[in-house]
N, C-alpha and C. Protein backbone atom coordinates (compact mmCIF):
# COMPACT_ATOMS: atom_id res chain seq x y z
N MET A 1 -26.76 -29.77 5.35
CA MET A 1 -28.25 -29.11 4.93
C MET A 1 -27.97 -27.97 4.42
N SER A 2 -28.98 -26.93 3.41
CA SER A 2 -29.26 -25.86 3.49
C SER A 2 -30.83 -25.40 3.17
N LYS A 3 -31.05 -24.12 3.47
CA LYS A 3 -32.51 -23.18 2.99
C LYS A 3 -31.68 -21.96 2.62
N GLY A 4 -32.64 -21.61 2.10
CA GLY A 4 -32.80 -19.92 1.73
C GLY A 4 -31.98 -19.61 0.63
N ASP A 5 -31.76 -18.61 0.64
CA ASP A 5 -30.71 -18.18 -0.37
C ASP A 5 -30.04 -16.71 0.00
N GLY A 6 -29.02 -15.95 -0.93
CA GLY A 6 -28.57 -14.95 -0.80
C GLY A 6 -28.07 -14.81 0.77
N ASN A 7 -28.53 -13.46 1.01
CA ASN A 7 -28.00 -13.20 2.77
C ASN A 7 -28.72 -14.17 3.92
N ASP A 8 -29.62 -14.93 2.96
CA ASP A 8 -31.05 -15.53 4.18
C ASP A 8 -30.33 -16.99 4.11
N LEU A 9 -29.40 -17.77 3.15
CA LEU A 9 -28.77 -19.03 3.40
C LEU A 9 -28.16 -19.51 4.45
N GLN A 10 -28.60 -20.64 4.84
CA GLN A 10 -28.58 -21.33 6.21
C GLN A 10 -28.02 -22.44 5.58
N ILE A 11 -27.13 -22.47 7.19
CA ILE A 11 -26.48 -24.10 6.26
C ILE A 11 -26.13 -24.98 7.72
N GLY A 12 -26.45 -26.09 7.57
CA GLY A 12 -26.21 -26.91 8.98
C GLY A 12 -25.53 -28.38 8.77
N LEU A 13 -25.38 -29.15 9.75
CA LEU A 13 -24.95 -30.44 9.80
C LEU A 13 -26.07 -31.27 10.90
N LEU A 14 -26.67 -32.48 10.53
CA LEU A 14 -26.78 -33.49 11.76
C LEU A 14 -25.97 -34.41 11.74
N VAL A 15 -24.92 -34.65 12.97
CA VAL A 15 -23.98 -35.73 13.07
C VAL A 15 -24.22 -36.89 13.12
N GLY A 16 -23.87 -37.43 12.22
CA GLY A 16 -24.22 -38.93 12.06
C GLY A 16 -23.01 -39.65 12.25
N GLN A 17 -22.86 -40.75 12.46
CA GLN A 17 -22.03 -41.92 12.60
C GLN A 17 -20.74 -41.64 12.06
N LYS A 18 -20.86 -41.54 10.74
CA LYS A 18 -19.90 -41.41 10.13
C LYS A 18 -18.66 -40.31 10.16
N HIS A 19 -19.31 -39.06 10.86
CA HIS A 19 -18.89 -38.07 11.30
C HIS A 19 -18.16 -38.22 12.31
N LEU A 20 -17.97 -39.48 13.13
CA LEU A 20 -17.59 -39.33 14.75
C LEU A 20 -15.84 -40.04 14.54
N ASN A 21 -14.93 -39.53 15.59
CA ASN A 21 -14.13 -40.09 15.59
C ASN A 21 -13.95 -41.28 16.75
N ALA A 22 -12.92 -41.98 16.74
CA ALA A 22 -12.76 -42.99 17.43
C ALA A 22 -13.81 -43.05 18.81
N ARG A 23 -13.43 -41.79 19.73
CA ARG A 23 -13.99 -41.23 21.22
C ARG A 23 -15.53 -41.26 20.93
N GLY A 24 -16.06 -41.20 19.85
CA GLY A 24 -17.38 -40.89 19.34
C GLY A 24 -18.26 -39.44 20.11
N SER A 25 -16.78 -38.29 19.26
CA SER A 25 -17.22 -37.44 19.32
C SER A 25 -16.77 -37.11 17.38
N LEU A 26 -17.62 -35.50 17.59
CA LEU A 26 -17.48 -35.00 16.51
C LEU A 26 -15.98 -35.17 15.66
N HIS A 27 -15.68 -35.65 14.55
CA HIS A 27 -14.32 -35.58 14.22
C HIS A 27 -14.03 -34.03 13.86
N GLY A 28 -12.27 -33.61 14.06
CA GLY A 28 -12.35 -31.99 14.33
C GLY A 28 -12.00 -32.21 12.25
N GLY A 29 -11.68 -32.97 11.84
CA GLY A 29 -11.36 -33.22 9.99
C GLY A 29 -13.09 -32.69 9.58
N VAL A 30 -13.97 -33.21 9.89
CA VAL A 30 -15.17 -33.20 9.71
C VAL A 30 -15.97 -31.46 9.78
N ILE A 31 -15.50 -30.99 10.94
CA ILE A 31 -16.03 -29.39 11.32
C ILE A 31 -15.23 -28.70 10.90
N ALA A 32 -13.85 -28.80 10.58
CA ALA A 32 -12.78 -27.96 9.65
C ALA A 32 -13.42 -28.41 8.02
N THR A 33 -13.80 -29.24 7.68
CA THR A 33 -14.17 -29.25 5.99
C THR A 33 -15.53 -28.19 6.19
N LEU A 34 -16.83 -28.49 6.80
CA LEU A 34 -17.63 -27.55 7.15
C LEU A 34 -17.63 -26.35 7.24
N VAL A 35 -16.76 -26.05 7.84
CA VAL A 35 -16.09 -24.62 8.09
C VAL A 35 -16.03 -23.77 6.23
N ASP A 36 -15.19 -24.60 5.98
CA ASP A 36 -14.68 -24.34 4.71
C ASP A 36 -15.84 -24.43 3.48
N VAL A 37 -16.38 -25.56 3.61
CA VAL A 37 -17.95 -25.59 2.49
C VAL A 37 -18.97 -24.52 2.86
N ALA A 38 -19.43 -24.44 4.01
CA ALA A 38 -20.54 -23.99 4.62
C ALA A 38 -20.34 -22.13 4.54
N PHE A 39 -18.85 -22.01 4.72
CA PHE A 39 -18.72 -20.48 4.35
C PHE A 39 -18.72 -19.73 3.31
N GLY A 40 -17.89 -21.36 2.45
CA GLY A 40 -17.58 -20.52 1.35
C GLY A 40 -18.92 -20.58 -0.30
N TYR A 41 -20.31 -21.58 0.66
CA TYR A 41 -21.28 -21.19 -0.12
C TYR A 41 -21.94 -19.91 0.18
N MET A 42 -21.96 -19.32 1.46
CA MET A 42 -23.11 -18.34 1.81
C MET A 42 -21.79 -17.17 1.76
N ILE A 43 -20.81 -17.41 1.39
CA ILE A 43 -20.24 -16.17 0.76
C ILE A 43 -20.65 -16.24 -0.94
N VAL A 44 -20.41 -17.14 -1.87
CA VAL A 44 -21.17 -17.22 -3.44
C VAL A 44 -22.42 -16.85 -3.01
N ALA A 45 -23.16 -16.92 -2.14
CA ALA A 45 -24.67 -16.71 -2.35
C ALA A 45 -24.79 -15.27 -2.06
N ARG A 46 -23.93 -14.69 -1.00
CA ARG A 46 -24.11 -13.46 -1.16
C ARG A 46 -23.73 -12.75 -2.05
N ASP A 47 -22.51 -13.07 -2.94
CA ASP A 47 -22.06 -12.00 -4.05
C ASP A 47 -22.60 -12.59 -5.22
N GLY A 48 -23.89 -13.42 -5.35
CA GLY A 48 -24.66 -13.00 -6.64
C GLY A 48 -23.79 -14.62 -7.49
N GLY A 49 -23.42 -15.22 -6.62
CA GLY A 49 -22.98 -16.78 -8.02
C GLY A 49 -21.41 -16.67 -8.04
N ARG A 50 -20.91 -15.32 -7.85
CA ARG A 50 -19.44 -15.64 -8.01
C ARG A 50 -18.49 -16.42 -7.42
N ARG A 51 -17.81 -17.38 -7.92
CA ARG A 51 -17.03 -17.86 -7.28
C ARG A 51 -15.75 -17.26 -6.53
N GLN A 52 -15.69 -17.90 -5.63
CA GLN A 52 -14.56 -17.81 -4.29
C GLN A 52 -13.69 -19.00 -4.04
N LEU A 53 -12.15 -18.53 -3.94
CA LEU A 53 -11.41 -19.73 -3.19
C LEU A 53 -10.85 -19.82 -2.45
N THR A 54 -10.86 -20.59 -1.31
CA THR A 54 -10.49 -20.80 0.13
C THR A 54 -8.94 -20.55 -0.09
N ALA A 55 -8.59 -19.09 0.48
CA ALA A 55 -7.03 -18.74 0.62
C ALA A 55 -6.90 -19.40 2.14
N SER A 56 -7.35 -19.14 3.12
CA SER A 56 -6.83 -19.72 4.64
C SER A 56 -7.73 -19.90 5.34
N VAL A 57 -7.87 -20.73 6.16
CA VAL A 57 -8.66 -21.35 6.73
C VAL A 57 -8.15 -21.13 8.88
N LYS A 58 -8.62 -20.67 9.37
CA LYS A 58 -8.59 -20.46 10.91
C LYS A 58 -9.34 -20.96 11.67
N VAL A 59 -9.31 -22.67 12.54
CA VAL A 59 -10.69 -23.22 13.49
C VAL A 59 -9.86 -23.01 14.68
N ASP A 60 -10.79 -22.40 16.11
CA ASP A 60 -10.39 -22.34 16.85
C ASP A 60 -11.50 -23.16 17.68
N TYR A 61 -11.45 -24.56 18.19
CA TYR A 61 -12.45 -25.63 18.83
C TYR A 61 -12.42 -24.91 20.00
N ARG A 62 -14.12 -24.93 20.50
CA ARG A 62 -14.39 -24.44 21.57
C ARG A 62 -15.31 -25.38 22.26
N SER A 63 -15.66 -26.66 21.90
CA SER A 63 -16.63 -27.76 21.94
C SER A 63 -16.49 -28.76 21.02
N SER A 64 -17.20 -29.97 21.88
CA SER A 64 -17.24 -30.90 20.77
C SER A 64 -18.77 -31.04 20.81
N ALA A 65 -18.98 -32.09 19.72
CA ALA A 65 -20.11 -32.09 19.39
C ALA A 65 -20.36 -33.77 19.16
N GLY A 66 -21.52 -34.57 19.35
CA GLY A 66 -21.95 -35.71 19.67
C GLY A 66 -23.07 -36.36 18.06
N LEU A 67 -23.32 -37.60 18.07
CA LEU A 67 -24.34 -38.10 17.74
C LEU A 67 -25.37 -37.54 17.42
N ASN A 68 -25.85 -37.28 16.55
CA ASN A 68 -27.31 -36.42 16.09
C ASN A 68 -27.55 -35.05 16.62
N GLU A 69 -26.47 -34.44 16.85
CA GLU A 69 -26.21 -33.11 17.06
C GLU A 69 -26.89 -32.20 15.98
N TRP A 70 -27.53 -31.28 15.86
CA TRP A 70 -27.52 -30.17 14.62
C TRP A 70 -26.70 -29.16 14.61
N LEU A 71 -25.96 -28.85 14.06
CA LEU A 71 -24.98 -27.92 13.60
C LEU A 71 -25.23 -27.05 12.91
N GLU A 72 -25.13 -25.57 13.14
CA GLU A 72 -25.45 -24.74 12.06
C GLU A 72 -24.57 -23.24 12.23
N ALA A 73 -24.23 -23.24 11.04
CA ALA A 73 -23.08 -22.01 10.76
C ALA A 73 -23.59 -20.64 10.95
N PHE A 74 -23.22 -20.11 10.97
CA PHE A 74 -23.39 -18.18 11.25
C PHE A 74 -22.03 -17.38 10.91
N ILE A 75 -22.50 -16.47 10.07
CA ILE A 75 -21.13 -15.33 9.93
C ILE A 75 -21.56 -14.21 10.93
N GLU A 76 -20.38 -14.37 11.47
CA GLU A 76 -20.54 -12.76 12.27
C GLU A 76 -20.70 -11.76 11.79
N GLN A 77 -19.07 -12.07 11.07
CA GLN A 77 -18.37 -10.33 10.38
C GLN A 77 -18.24 -10.61 8.99
N LEU A 78 -18.10 -10.02 7.88
CA LEU A 78 -17.39 -10.04 6.75
C LEU A 78 -17.07 -8.99 6.23
N GLU A 79 -16.03 -9.07 5.78
CA GLU A 79 -15.14 -7.85 5.84
C GLU A 79 -14.60 -8.06 3.89
N ARG A 80 -14.80 -7.25 2.92
CA ARG A 80 -14.29 -7.13 1.58
C ARG A 80 -13.42 -5.98 1.50
N ASP A 81 -12.44 -6.61 1.11
CA ASP A 81 -11.24 -5.33 0.14
C ASP A 81 -10.84 -5.76 -1.00
N GLY A 82 -11.34 -5.57 -1.95
CA GLY A 82 -11.14 -5.74 -3.71
C GLY A 82 -12.06 -7.00 -3.99
N GLN A 83 -11.09 -8.01 -4.12
CA GLN A 83 -11.69 -9.61 -4.35
C GLN A 83 -11.55 -10.27 -2.99
N ILE A 84 -10.94 -9.58 -2.25
CA ILE A 84 -10.80 -10.60 -0.85
C ILE A 84 -11.82 -10.34 -0.01
N ALA A 85 -12.03 -11.66 0.88
CA ALA A 85 -13.45 -11.82 1.14
C ALA A 85 -13.03 -12.39 2.61
N LYS A 86 -13.19 -11.63 4.11
CA LYS A 86 -12.47 -12.14 5.10
C LYS A 86 -13.91 -12.14 6.22
N VAL A 87 -14.27 -13.63 6.29
CA VAL A 87 -15.22 -13.81 7.20
C VAL A 87 -14.86 -14.49 8.54
N THR A 88 -15.42 -13.61 9.76
CA THR A 88 -15.25 -14.28 10.73
C THR A 88 -16.80 -15.08 11.27
N CYS A 89 -16.45 -16.19 12.03
CA CYS A 89 -17.84 -17.20 11.83
C CYS A 89 -17.87 -18.09 13.27
N ARG A 90 -18.71 -18.56 13.27
CA ARG A 90 -18.73 -19.48 14.03
C ARG A 90 -19.84 -20.89 14.13
N ILE A 91 -19.55 -21.99 14.49
CA ILE A 91 -20.42 -22.57 14.14
C ILE A 91 -21.38 -23.22 15.82
N VAL A 92 -22.08 -23.40 15.53
CA VAL A 92 -23.18 -23.92 17.12
C VAL A 92 -23.81 -24.93 17.27
N SER A 93 -24.08 -25.73 18.30
CA SER A 93 -25.22 -26.46 18.60
C SER A 93 -26.08 -25.95 19.69
N GLY A 94 -27.30 -24.95 18.72
CA GLY A 94 -28.10 -24.90 20.02
C GLY A 94 -27.26 -23.54 20.78
N GLU A 95 -26.98 -23.69 21.91
CA GLU A 95 -26.61 -22.01 22.55
C GLU A 95 -25.17 -22.58 22.41
N ARG A 96 -24.79 -23.71 22.62
CA ARG A 96 -23.20 -24.23 22.69
C ARG A 96 -22.11 -23.61 21.19
N VAL A 97 -21.30 -23.01 21.58
CA VAL A 97 -20.40 -22.69 20.29
C VAL A 97 -19.21 -23.90 20.09
N ILE A 98 -19.29 -24.63 18.67
CA ILE A 98 -18.59 -25.59 18.08
C ILE A 98 -17.18 -24.93 17.85
N ILE A 99 -17.44 -24.59 17.53
CA ILE A 99 -15.98 -23.50 16.93
C ILE A 99 -15.92 -21.71 16.14
N GLU A 100 -15.32 -21.33 16.54
CA GLU A 100 -15.01 -19.82 16.11
C GLU A 100 -14.00 -20.10 14.83
N ALA A 101 -14.07 -19.53 13.63
CA ALA A 101 -13.10 -19.23 12.64
C ALA A 101 -13.53 -18.02 11.78
N SER A 102 -11.90 -17.85 10.93
CA SER A 102 -12.15 -17.26 10.13
C SER A 102 -11.51 -17.71 8.87
N VAL A 103 -11.90 -17.36 7.60
CA VAL A 103 -11.58 -18.01 6.46
C VAL A 103 -11.50 -16.80 5.64
N LEU A 104 -10.36 -16.52 4.96
CA LEU A 104 -10.27 -15.79 4.05
C LEU A 104 -10.09 -16.74 2.15
N PHE A 105 -11.32 -15.65 1.37
CA PHE A 105 -11.57 -15.89 0.39
C PHE A 105 -11.15 -15.03 -0.80
N VAL A 106 -10.92 -15.50 -2.18
CA VAL A 106 -10.42 -14.74 -2.94
C VAL A 106 -11.57 -14.83 -3.99
N GLN A 107 -11.71 -14.16 -5.02
CA GLN A 107 -12.63 -14.15 -6.03
C GLN A 107 -11.73 -14.99 -7.19
N ALA A 108 -12.51 -15.64 -7.71
CA ALA A 108 -11.91 -16.60 -8.79
C ALA A 108 -12.00 -15.64 -10.05
N ALA A 109 -10.99 -16.02 -11.11
CA ALA A 109 -10.72 -15.17 -11.81
C ALA A 109 -11.89 -15.66 -13.08
């Protein structure tokens, strides 16, 4: 789910049954996909629609999430060097940090 645009774009996910692993917690692959998609969209929104390609994703899992939890993506730091954007980010559920990540994007030609 998303709302806003540009620097004010907010992206989140309501954890549903289909997002859970066999142990009943959010599947690691779902959270990694959320990192890639959410922060990719946020960078494109901040760059006026210029397409970005994901070059690298590093995810550090800090906590788990369960059914019906609301997850929200936040950019902590954004560094640009030419056509490369490095994003340090986190996904949280309320006050609890679910992941911390760094993503490297390259501007598409």
